[in-house]
PDB file of N, CA and C in Angstrom:
ATOM      1  N   MET A   1      17.786  12.090 -14.826  1.00  0.00           N
ATOM      2  CA  MET A   1      16.636  12.979 -14.994  1.00  0.00           C
ATOM      3  C   MET A   1      15.376  12.191 -14.685  1.00  0.00           C
ATOM      4  N   ALA A   2      14.536  12.765 -13.842  1.00  0.00           N
ATOM      5  CA  ALA A   2      13.284  12.124 -13.455  1.00  0.00           C
ATOM      6  C   ALA A   2      12.251  12.301 -14.562  1.00  0.00           C
ATOM      7  N   GLY A   3      11.271  11.417 -14.577  1.00  0.00           N
ATOM      8  CA  GLY A   3      10.221  11.484 -15.575  1.00  0.00           C
ATOM      9  C   GLY A   3       9.220  12.584 -15.264  1.00  0.00           C
ATOM     10  N   ILE A   4       8.240  12.705 -16.108  1.00  0.00           N
ATOM     11  CA  ILE A   4       7.193  13.708 -15.963  1.00  0.00           C
ATOM     12  C   ILE A   4       5.947  13.035 -15.391  1.00  0.00           C
ATOM     13  N   CYS A   5       5.318  13.678 -14.407  1.00  0.00           N
ATOM     14  CA  CYS A   5       4.089  13.155 -13.799  1.00  0.00           C
ATOM     15  C   CYS A   5       2.945  13.249 -14.809  1.00  0.00           C
ATOM     16  N   PRO A   6       2.210  12.154 -15.041  1.00  0.00           N
ATOM     17  CA  PRO A   6       1.117  12.203 -16.016  1.00  0.00           C
ATOM     18  C   PRO A   6      -0.086  13.023 -15.541  1.00  0.00           C
ATOM     19  N   LYS A   7      -0.227  13.252 -14.234  1.00  0.00           N
ATOM     20  CA  LYS A   7      -1.376  13.998 -13.708  1.00  0.00           C
ATOM     21  C   LYS A   7      -1.184  15.503 -13.824  1.00  0.00           C
ATOM     22  N   CYS A   8      -0.029  15.997 -13.306  1.00  0.00           N
ATOM     23  CA  CYS A   8       0.163  17.448 -13.225  1.00  0.00           C
ATOM     24  C   CYS A   8       1.141  17.990 -14.264  1.00  0.00           C
ATOM     25  N   GLY A   9       1.962  17.133 -14.860  1.00  0.00           N
ATOM     26  CA  GLY A   9       2.904  17.582 -15.870  1.00  0.00           C
ATOM     27  C   GLY A   9       4.217  18.110 -15.317  1.00  0.00           C
ATOM     28  N   LEU A  10       4.390  18.040 -13.996  1.00  0.00           N
ATOM     29  CA  LEU A  10       5.638  18.486 -13.378  1.00  0.00           C
ATOM     30  C   LEU A  10       6.632  17.336 -13.328  1.00  0.00           C
ATOM     31  N   PRO A  11       7.932  17.634 -13.183  1.00  0.00           N
ATOM     32  CA  PRO A  11       8.912  16.558 -12.988  1.00  0.00           C
ATOM     33  C   PRO A  11       8.587  15.771 -11.712  1.00  0.00           C
ATOM     34  N   GLN A  12       8.889  14.479 -11.711  1.00  0.00           N
ATOM     35  CA  GLN A  12       8.548  13.593 -10.601  1.00  0.00           C
ATOM     36  C   GLN A  12       9.118  14.072  -9.268  1.00  0.00           C
ATOM     37  N   ASP A  13      10.326  14.659  -9.262  1.00  0.00           N
ATOM     38  CA  ASP A  13      10.942  15.045  -7.990  1.00  0.00           C
ATOM     39  C   ASP A  13      10.258  16.243  -7.333  1.00  0.00           C
ATOM     40  N   ILE A  14       9.452  17.036  -8.057  1.00  0.00           N
ATOM     41  CA  ILE A  14       8.724  18.141  -7.441  1.00  0.00           C
ATOM     42  C   ILE A  14       7.210  17.977  -7.554  1.00  0.00           C
ATOM     43  N   CYS A  15       6.749  16.827  -7.945  1.00  0.00           N
ATOM     44  CA  CYS A  15       5.320  16.549  -8.093  1.00  0.00           C
ATOM     45  C   CYS A  15       4.631  16.594  -6.725  1.00  0.00           C
ATOM     46  N   VAL A  16       3.462  17.200  -6.656  1.00  0.00           N
ATOM     47  CA  VAL A  16       2.716  17.325  -5.402  1.00  0.00           C
ATOM     48  C   VAL A  16       1.340  16.670  -5.487  1.00  0.00           C
ATOM     49  N   CYS A  17       1.127  15.808  -6.445  1.00  0.00           N
ATOM     50  CA  CYS A  17      -0.181  15.186  -6.639  1.00  0.00           C
ATOM     51  C   CYS A  17      -0.636  14.396  -5.410  1.00  0.00           C
ATOM     52  N   ASP A  18       0.266  13.632  -4.789  1.00  0.00           N
ATOM     53  CA  ASP A  18      -0.112  12.825  -3.631  1.00  0.00           C
ATOM     54  C   ASP A  18      -0.577  13.708  -2.484  1.00  0.00           C
ATOM     55  N   ASN A  19       0.099  14.814  -2.235  1.00  0.00           N
ATOM     56  CA  ASN A  19      -0.290  15.715  -1.150  1.00  0.00           C
ATOM     57  C   ASN A  19      -1.625  16.382  -1.435  1.00  0.00           C
ATOM     58  N   LEU A  20      -1.878  16.748  -2.678  1.00  0.00           N
ATOM     59  CA  LEU A  20      -3.135  17.388  -3.027  1.00  0.00           C
ATOM     60  C   LEU A  20      -4.308  16.432  -2.878  1.00  0.00           C
ATOM     61  N   GLU A  21      -4.132  15.168  -3.238  1.00  0.00           N
ATOM     62  CA  GLU A  21      -5.210  14.196  -3.114  1.00  0.00           C
ATOM     63  C   GLU A  21      -5.570  13.952  -1.654  1.00  0.00           C
ATOM     64  N   LYS A  22      -4.587  13.999  -0.760  1.00  0.00           N
ATOM     65  CA  LYS A  22      -4.858  13.782   0.653  1.00  0.00           C
ATOM     66  C   LYS A  22      -5.580  14.967   1.275  1.00  0.00           C
ATOM     67  N   GLU A  23      -5.496  16.136   0.652  1.00  0.00           N
ATOM     68  CA  GLU A  23      -6.183  17.306   1.165  1.00  0.00           C
ATOM     69  C   GLU A  23      -7.641  17.372   0.715  1.00  0.00           C
ATOM     70  N   VAL A  24      -8.028  16.564  -0.252  1.00  0.00           N
ATOM     71  CA  VAL A  24      -9.413  16.531  -0.703  1.00  0.00           C
ATOM     72  C   VAL A  24     -10.272  15.976   0.429  1.00  0.00           C
ATOM     73  N   PRO A  25     -11.371  16.642   0.781  1.00  0.00           N
ATOM     74  CA  PRO A  25     -12.149  16.221   1.947  1.00  0.00           C
ATOM     75  C   PRO A  25     -12.945  14.933   1.722  1.00  0.00           C
ATOM     76  N   HIS A  26     -12.343  13.820   2.058  1.00  0.00           N
ATOM     77  CA  HIS A  26     -13.039  12.541   2.081  1.00  0.00           C
ATOM     78  C   HIS A  26     -13.380  12.263   3.534  1.00  0.00           C
ATOM     79  N   GLN A  27     -14.533  11.705   3.805  1.00  0.00           N
ATOM     80  CA  GLN A  27     -14.857  11.321   5.169  1.00  0.00           C
ATOM     81  C   GLN A  27     -14.418   9.875   5.347  1.00  0.00           C
ATOM     82  N   ILE A  28     -13.394   9.681   6.157  1.00  0.00           N
ATOM     83  CA  ILE A  28     -12.843   8.355   6.411  1.00  0.00           C
ATOM     84  C   ILE A  28     -13.451   7.840   7.706  1.00  0.00           C
ATOM     85  N   THR A  29     -13.990   6.631   7.668  1.00  0.00           N
ATOM     86  CA  THR A  29     -14.628   6.025   8.836  1.00  0.00           C
ATOM     87  C   THR A  29     -13.837   4.802   9.258  1.00  0.00           C
ATOM     88  N   ILE A  30     -13.563   4.714  10.564  1.00  0.00           N
ATOM     89  CA  ILE A  30     -12.832   3.585  11.131  1.00  0.00           C
ATOM     90  C   ILE A  30     -13.715   2.944  12.187  1.00  0.00           C
ATOM     91  N   TYR A  31     -13.922   1.631  12.096  1.00  0.00           N
ATOM     92  CA  TYR A  31     -14.686   0.930  13.117  1.00  0.00           C
ATOM     93  C   TYR A  31     -14.235  -0.519  13.205  1.00  0.00           C
ATOM     94  N   VAL A  32     -14.656  -1.187  14.283  1.00  0.00           N
ATOM     95  CA  VAL A  32     -14.283  -2.580  14.537  1.00  0.00           C
ATOM     96  C   VAL A  32     -15.533  -3.432  14.401  1.00  0.00           C
ATOM     97  N   ASP A  33     -15.377  -4.589  13.771  1.00  0.00           N
ATOM     98  CA  ASP A  33     -16.484  -5.528  13.574  1.00  0.00           C
ATOM     99  C   ASP A  33     -16.036  -6.912  14.009  1.00  0.00           C
ATOM    100  N   LYS A  34     -16.989  -7.722  14.411  1.00  0.00           N
ATOM    101  CA  LYS A  34     -16.683  -9.086  14.815  1.00  0.00           C
ATOM    102  C   LYS A  34     -17.055 -10.017  13.664  1.00  0.00           C
ATOM    103  N   LYS A  35     -16.116 -10.835  13.239  1.00  0.00           N
ATOM    104  CA  LYS A  35     -16.323 -11.763  12.122  1.00  0.00           C
ATOM    105  C   LYS A  35     -16.433 -13.186  12.646  1.00  0.00           C
ATOM    106  N   ARG A  36     -16.213 -14.143  11.778  1.00  0.00           N
ATOM    107  CA  ARG A  36     -16.346 -15.553  12.124  1.00  0.00           C
ATOM    108  C   ARG A  36     -15.466 -15.935  13.304  1.00  0.00           C
ATOM    109  N   PHE A  37     -15.970 -16.824  14.127  1.00  0.00           N
ATOM    110  CA  PHE A  37     -15.257 -17.371  15.277  1.00  0.00           C
ATOM    111  C   PHE A  37     -14.864 -16.295  16.285  1.00  0.00           C
ATOM    112  N   GLY A  38     -15.597 -15.178  16.320  1.00  0.00           N
ATOM    113  CA  GLY A  38     -15.337 -14.122  17.288  1.00  0.00           C
ATOM    114  C   GLY A  38     -14.115 -13.273  17.017  1.00  0.00           C
ATOM    115  N   LYS A  39     -13.552 -13.360  15.829  1.00  0.00           N
ATOM    116  CA  LYS A  39     -12.352 -12.576  15.487  1.00  0.00           C
ATOM    117  C   LYS A  39     -12.739 -11.124  15.202  1.00  0.00           C
ATOM    118  N   LEU A  40     -11.932 -10.203  15.691  1.00  0.00           N
ATOM    119  CA  LEU A  40     -12.172  -8.782  15.468  1.00  0.00           C
ATOM    120  C   LEU A  40     -11.376  -8.302  14.266  1.00  0.00           C
ATOM    121  N   VAL A  41     -11.995  -7.430  13.465  1.00  0.00           N
ATOM    122  CA  VAL A  41     -11.311  -6.802  12.336  1.00  0.00           C
ATOM    123  C   VAL A  41     -11.581  -5.305  12.389  1.00  0.00           C
ATOM    124  N   THR A  42     -10.583  -4.530  12.044  1.00  0.00           N
ATOM    125  CA  THR A  42     -10.725  -3.082  11.940  1.00  0.00           C
ATOM    126  C   THR A  42     -11.017  -2.755  10.487  1.00  0.00           C
ATOM    127  N   ILE A  43     -12.068  -1.974  10.256  1.00  0.00           N
ATOM    128  CA  ILE A  43     -12.502  -1.638   8.905  1.00  0.00           C
ATOM    129  C   ILE A  43     -12.305  -0.145   8.682  1.00  0.00           C
ATOM    130  N   VAL A  44     -11.684   0.197   7.540  1.00  0.00           N
ATOM    131  CA  VAL A  44     -11.446   1.587   7.155  1.00  0.00           C
ATOM    132  C   VAL A  44     -12.179   1.823   5.841  1.00  0.00           C
ATOM    133  N   GLU A  45     -13.115   2.783   5.837  1.00  0.00           N
ATOM    134  CA  GLU A  45     -13.904   3.102   4.645  1.00  0.00           C
ATOM    135  C   GLU A  45     -13.719   4.561   4.272  1.00  0.00           C
ATOM    136  N   GLY A  46     -13.972   4.878   3.010  1.00  0.00           N
ATOM    137  CA  GLY A  46     -13.984   6.259   2.561  1.00  0.00           C
ATOM    138  C   GLY A  46     -12.686   6.735   1.932  1.00  0.00           C
ATOM    139  N   LEU A  47     -11.766   5.840   1.663  1.00  0.00           N
ATOM    140  CA  LEU A  47     -10.503   6.224   1.027  1.00  0.00           C
ATOM    141  C   LEU A  47     -10.646   6.195  -0.482  1.00  0.00           C
ATOM    142  N   ASP A  48      -9.748   6.876  -1.161  1.00  0.00           N
ATOM    143  CA  ASP A  48      -9.754   6.941  -2.615  1.00  0.00           C
ATOM    144  C   ASP A  48      -9.466   5.562  -3.204  1.00  0.00           C
ATOM    145  N   GLU A  49     -10.298   5.131  -4.134  1.00  0.00           N
ATOM    146  CA  GLU A  49     -10.174   3.805  -4.750  1.00  0.00           C
ATOM    147  C   GLU A  49      -8.816   3.592  -5.415  1.00  0.00           C
ATOM    148  N   ARG A  50      -8.258   4.648  -6.006  1.00  0.00           N
ATOM    149  CA  ARG A  50      -6.992   4.506  -6.727  1.00  0.00           C
ATOM    150  C   ARG A  50      -5.814   4.313  -5.786  1.00  0.00           C
ATOM    151  N   GLU A  51      -5.916   4.811  -4.560  1.00  0.00           N
ATOM    152  CA  GLU A  51      -4.805   4.763  -3.605  1.00  0.00           C
ATOM    153  C   GLU A  51      -4.982   3.693  -2.540  1.00  0.00           C
ATOM    154  N   ILE A  52      -6.094   2.966  -2.556  1.00  0.00           N
ATOM    155  CA  ILE A  52      -6.440   2.096  -1.426  1.00  0.00           C
ATOM    156  C   ILE A  52      -5.428   0.968  -1.235  1.00  0.00           C
ATOM    157  N   ASP A  53      -4.903   0.410  -2.299  1.00  0.00           N
ATOM    158  CA  ASP A  53      -3.936  -0.685  -2.157  1.00  0.00           C
ATOM    159  C   ASP A  53      -2.639  -0.205  -1.510  1.00  0.00           C
ATOM    160  N   LYS A  54      -2.165   0.968  -1.902  1.00  0.00           N
ATOM    161  CA  LYS A  54      -0.940   1.520  -1.321  1.00  0.00           C
ATOM    162  C   LYS A  54      -1.152   1.876   0.152  1.00  0.00           C
ATOM    163  N   ILE A  55      -2.288   2.481   0.470  1.00  0.00           N
ATOM    164  CA  ILE A  55      -2.578   2.850   1.856  1.00  0.00           C
ATOM    165  C   ILE A  55      -2.720   1.600   2.716  1.00  0.00           C
ATOM    166  N   ALA A  56      -3.381   0.560   2.187  1.00  0.00           N
ATOM    167  CA  ALA A  56      -3.526  -0.694   2.936  1.00  0.00           C
ATOM    168  C   ALA A  56      -2.156  -1.305   3.225  1.00  0.00           C
ATOM    169  N   LYS A  57      -1.285  -1.292   2.245  1.00  0.00           N
ATOM    170  CA  LYS A  57       0.055  -1.833   2.438  1.00  0.00           C
ATOM    171  C   LYS A  57       0.805  -1.043   3.505  1.00  0.00           C
ATOM    172  N   ASP A  58       0.705   0.281   3.455  1.00  0.00           N
ATOM    173  CA  ASP A  58       1.374   1.122   4.454  1.00  0.00           C
ATOM    174  C   ASP A  58       0.813   0.869   5.851  1.00  0.00           C
ATOM    175  N   LEU A  59      -0.516   0.762   5.972  1.00  0.00           N
ATOM    176  CA  LEU A  59      -1.124   0.510   7.281  1.00  0.00           C
ATOM    177  C   LEU A  59      -0.707  -0.844   7.839  1.00  0.00           C
ATOM    178  N   LYS A  60      -0.712  -1.868   7.001  1.00  0.00           N
ATOM    179  CA  LYS A  60      -0.315  -3.202   7.462  1.00  0.00           C
ATOM    180  C   LYS A  60       1.136  -3.194   7.935  1.00  0.00           C
ATOM    181  N   HIS A  61       1.979  -2.481   7.229  1.00  0.00           N
ATOM    182  CA  HIS A  61       3.394  -2.400   7.611  1.00  0.00           C
ATOM    183  C   HIS A  61       3.561  -1.620   8.918  1.00  0.00           C
ATOM    184  N   MET A  62       2.876  -0.485   9.046  1.00  0.00           N
ATOM    185  CA  MET A  62       3.006   0.351  10.236  1.00  0.00           C
ATOM    186  C   MET A  62       2.449  -0.329  11.485  1.00  0.00           C
ATOM    187  N   LEU A  63       1.394  -1.130  11.327  1.00  0.00           N
ATOM    188  CA  LEU A  63       0.739  -1.770  12.466  1.00  0.00           C
ATOM    189  C   LEU A  63       1.209  -3.202  12.688  1.00  0.00           C
ATOM    190  N   SER A  64       2.030  -3.709  11.806  1.00  0.00           N
ATOM    191  CA  SER A  64       2.525  -5.094  11.889  1.00  0.00           C
ATOM    192  C   SER A  64       1.382  -6.087  12.023  1.00  0.00           C
ATOM    193  N   THR A  65       0.449  -6.008  11.100  1.00  0.00           N
ATOM    194  CA  THR A  65      -0.704  -6.894  11.120  1.00  0.00           C
ATOM    195  C   THR A  65      -1.054  -7.317   9.702  1.00  0.00           C
ATOM    196  N   GLY A  66      -1.878  -8.313   9.597  1.00  0.00           N
ATOM    197  CA  GLY A  66      -2.351  -8.770   8.294  1.00  0.00           C
ATOM    198  C   GLY A  66      -3.617  -8.034   7.920  1.00  0.00           C
ATOM    199  N   GLY A  67      -3.984  -8.146   6.667  1.00  0.00           N
ATOM    200  CA  GLY A  67      -5.200  -7.498   6.213  1.00  0.00           C
ATOM    201  C   GLY A  67      -5.317  -7.546   4.709  1.00  0.00           C
ATOM    202  N   THR A  68      -6.365  -6.906   4.206  1.00  0.00           N
ATOM    203  CA  THR A  68      -6.623  -6.883   2.775  1.00  0.00           C
ATOM    204  C   THR A  68      -7.406  -5.625   2.427  1.00  0.00           C
ATOM    205  N   SER A  69      -7.474  -5.347   1.142  1.00  0.00           N
ATOM    206  CA  SER A  69      -8.331  -4.258   0.663  1.00  0.00           C
ATOM    207  C   SER A  69      -9.192  -4.821  -0.466  1.00  0.00           C
ATOM    208  N   LYS A  70     -10.489  -4.592  -0.344  1.00  0.00           N
ATOM    209  CA  LYS A  70     -11.407  -5.047  -1.387  1.00  0.00           C
ATOM    210  C   LYS A  70     -12.687  -4.229  -1.318  1.00  0.00           C
ATOM    211  N   ASN A  71     -13.323  -4.036  -2.437  1.00  0.00           N
ATOM    212  CA  ASN A  71     -14.588  -3.315  -2.548  1.00  0.00           C
ATOM    213  C   ASN A  71     -14.532  -1.923  -1.917  1.00  0.00           C
ATOM    214  N   GLY A  72     -13.392  -1.251  -1.996  1.00  0.00           N
ATOM    215  CA  GLY A  72     -13.275   0.101  -1.492  1.00  0.00           C
ATOM    216  C   GLY A  72     -13.073   0.224   0.006  1.00  0.00           C
ATOM    217  N   ILE A  73     -12.815  -0.891   0.698  1.00  0.00           N
ATOM    218  CA  ILE A  73     -12.565  -0.836   2.133  1.00  0.00           C
ATOM    219  C   ILE A  73     -11.275  -1.574   2.460  1.00  0.00           C
ATOM    220  N   ILE A  74     -10.713  -1.252   3.614  1.00  0.00           N
ATOM    221  CA  ILE A  74      -9.517  -1.939   4.100  1.00  0.00           C
ATOM    222  C   ILE A  74      -9.912  -2.735   5.331  1.00  0.00           C
ATOM    223  N   LEU A  75      -9.570  -4.013   5.355  1.00  0.00           N
ATOM    224  CA  LEU A  75      -9.807  -4.886   6.509  1.00  0.00           C
ATOM    225  C   LEU A  75      -8.467  -5.222   7.142  1.00  0.00           C
ATOM    226  N   LEU A  76      -8.316  -4.917   8.427  1.00  0.00           N
ATOM    227  CA  LEU A  76      -7.096  -5.223   9.160  1.00  0.00           C
ATOM    228  C   LEU A  76      -7.423  -6.197  10.283  1.00  0.00           C
ATOM    229  N   GLN A  77      -6.598  -7.199  10.469  1.00  0.00           N
ATOM    230  CA  GLN A  77      -6.837  -8.196  11.500  1.00  0.00           C
ATOM    231  C   GLN A  77      -6.606  -7.594  12.877  1.00  0.00           C
ATOM    232  N   GLY A  78      -7.592  -7.720  13.756  1.00  0.00           N
ATOM    233  CA  GLY A  78      -7.465  -7.251  15.126  1.00  0.00           C
ATOM    234  C   GLY A  78      -8.119  -5.899  15.347  1.00  0.00           C
ATOM    235  N   ASP A  79      -8.121  -5.460  16.607  1.00  0.00           N
ATOM    236  CA  ASP A  79      -8.708  -4.182  17.002  1.00  0.00           C
ATOM    237  C   ASP A  79      -7.607  -3.125  17.027  1.00  0.00           C
ATOM    238  N   HIS A  80      -7.527  -2.326  15.962  1.00  0.00           N
ATOM    239  CA  HIS A  80      -6.476  -1.314  15.823  1.00  0.00           C
ATOM    240  C   HIS A  80      -7.068   0.062  15.561  1.00  0.00           C
ATOM    241  N   LYS A  81      -8.248   0.324  16.104  1.00  0.00           N
ATOM    242  CA  LYS A  81      -8.970   1.543  15.757  1.00  0.00           C
ATOM    243  C   LYS A  81      -8.145   2.815  16.017  1.00  0.00           C
ATOM    244  N   GLN A  82      -7.622   2.994  17.215  1.00  0.00           N
ATOM    245  CA  GLN A  82      -6.859   4.207  17.533  1.00  0.00           C
ATOM    246  C   GLN A  82      -5.524   4.231  16.794  1.00  0.00           C
ATOM    247  N   HIS A  83      -4.903   3.069  16.636  1.00  0.00           N
ATOM    248  CA  HIS A  83      -3.620   3.002  15.932  1.00  0.00           C
ATOM    249  C   HIS A  83      -3.772   3.351  14.452  1.00  0.00           C
ATOM    250  N   VAL A  84      -4.896   2.959  13.848  1.00  0.00           N
ATOM    251  CA  VAL A  84      -5.148   3.285  12.441  1.00  0.00           C
ATOM    252  C   VAL A  84      -5.297   4.791  12.281  1.00  0.00           C
ATOM    253  N   LYS A  85      -6.008   5.424  13.209  1.00  0.00           N
ATOM    254  CA  LYS A  85      -6.174   6.875  13.134  1.00  0.00           C
ATOM    255  C   LYS A  85      -4.813   7.570  13.224  1.00  0.00           C
ATOM    256  N   ASP A  86      -3.977   7.145  14.161  1.00  0.00           N
ATOM    257  CA  ASP A  86      -2.643   7.734  14.298  1.00  0.00           C
ATOM    258  C   ASP A  86      -1.812   7.517  13.032  1.00  0.00           C
ATOM    259  N   ALA A  87      -1.917   6.324  12.445  1.00  0.00           N
ATOM    260  CA  ALA A  87      -1.152   6.016  11.231  1.00  0.00           C
ATOM    261  C   ALA A  87      -1.636   6.863  10.054  1.00  0.00           C
ATOM    262  N   LEU A  88      -2.948   7.054   9.932  1.00  0.00           N
ATOM    263  CA  LEU A  88      -3.472   7.887   8.847  1.00  0.00           C
ATOM    264  C   LEU A  88      -3.025   9.336   9.007  1.00  0.00           C
ATOM    265  N   LEU A  89      -2.939   9.811  10.233  1.00  0.00           N
ATOM    266  CA  LEU A  89      -2.444  11.167  10.464  1.00  0.00           C
ATOM    267  C   LEU A  89      -0.982  11.279  10.037  1.00  0.00           C
ATOM    268  N   LYS A  90      -0.190  10.242  10.302  1.00  0.00           N
ATOM    269  CA  LYS A  90       1.212  10.247   9.874  1.00  0.00           C
ATOM    270  C   LYS A  90       1.332  10.196   8.360  1.00  0.00           C
ATOM    271  N   LEU A  91       0.361   9.562   7.693  1.00  0.00           N
ATOM    272  CA  LEU A  91       0.380   9.484   6.230  1.00  0.00           C
ATOM    273  C   LEU A  91      -0.076  10.785   5.570  1.00  0.00           C
ATOM    274  N   GLY A  92      -0.548  11.758   6.372  1.00  0.00           N
ATOM    275  CA  GLY A  92      -0.886  13.062   5.814  1.00  0.00           C
ATOM    276  C   GLY A  92      -2.363  13.385   5.740  1.00  0.00           C
ATOM    277  N   PHE A  93      -3.236  12.526   6.232  1.00  0.00           N
ATOM    278  CA  PHE A  93      -4.662  12.812   6.225  1.00  0.00           C
ATOM    279  C   PHE A  93      -4.993  13.732   7.392  1.00  0.00           C
ATOM    280  N   LYS A  94      -6.005  14.574   7.236  1.00  0.00           N
ATOM    281  CA  LYS A  94      -6.368  15.540   8.268  1.00  0.00           C
ATOM    282  C   LYS A  94      -7.314  14.902   9.286  1.00  0.00           C
ATOM    283  N   GLU A  95      -7.150  15.314  10.547  1.00  0.00           N
ATOM    284  CA  GLU A  95      -7.913  14.714  11.635  1.00  0.00           C
ATOM    285  C   GLU A  95      -9.414  14.977  11.511  1.00  0.00           C
ATOM    286  N   GLU A  96      -9.808  16.131  10.986  1.00  0.00           N
ATOM    287  CA  GLU A  96     -11.238  16.435  10.886  1.00  0.00           C
ATOM    288  C   GLU A  96     -11.940  15.587   9.823  1.00  0.00           C
ATOM    289  N   HIS A  97     -11.183  14.882   8.990  1.00  0.00           N
ATOM    290  CA  HIS A  97     -11.776  14.031   7.963  1.00  0.00           C
ATOM    291  C   HIS A  97     -11.838  12.571   8.401  1.00  0.00           C
ATOM    292  N   ILE A  98     -11.382  12.278   9.626  1.00  0.00           N
ATOM    293  CA  ILE A  98     -11.356  10.911  10.126  1.00  0.00           C
ATOM    294  C   ILE A  98     -12.339  10.796  11.275  1.00  0.00           C
ATOM    295  N   SER A  99     -13.275   9.854  11.164  1.00  0.00           N
ATOM    296  CA  SER A  99     -14.215   9.613  12.265  1.00  0.00           C
ATOM    297  C   SER A  99     -14.131   8.161  12.675  1.00  0.00           C
ATOM    298  N   MET A 100     -14.341   7.952  13.984  1.00  0.00           N
ATOM    299  CA  MET A 100     -14.341   6.589  14.526  1.00  0.00           C
ATOM    300  C   MET A 100     -15.698   6.342  15.151  1.00  0.00           C
ATOM    301  N   ARG A 101     -16.211   5.121  14.950  1.00  0.00           N
ATOM    302  CA  ARG A 101     -17.474   4.763  15.603  1.00  0.00           C
ATOM    303  C   ARG A 101     -17.340   3.446  16.279  1.00  0.00           C
TER     304      ARG A 101
END
């Protein structure tokens, strides 16, 4: 028997909390910045603070790259702007909530 979700009160196997949170309109911004020694990093901003570590782990795994999450942003090593957008779409985020600059 699965446990009960603390957010919605439904059993874990039919809980929809993760899907509902992804439907909340957050404006996610993806851009590339140049750091020390000319290294490029892809920065993702605007994600939910509670889910940022899990999303960062999923993105790093999907893109086969290193990175970190701190201060509400995700830093990924290298220029992965278009790949990050595709990965976020696969994770369930809506395209109209994702902007690239």
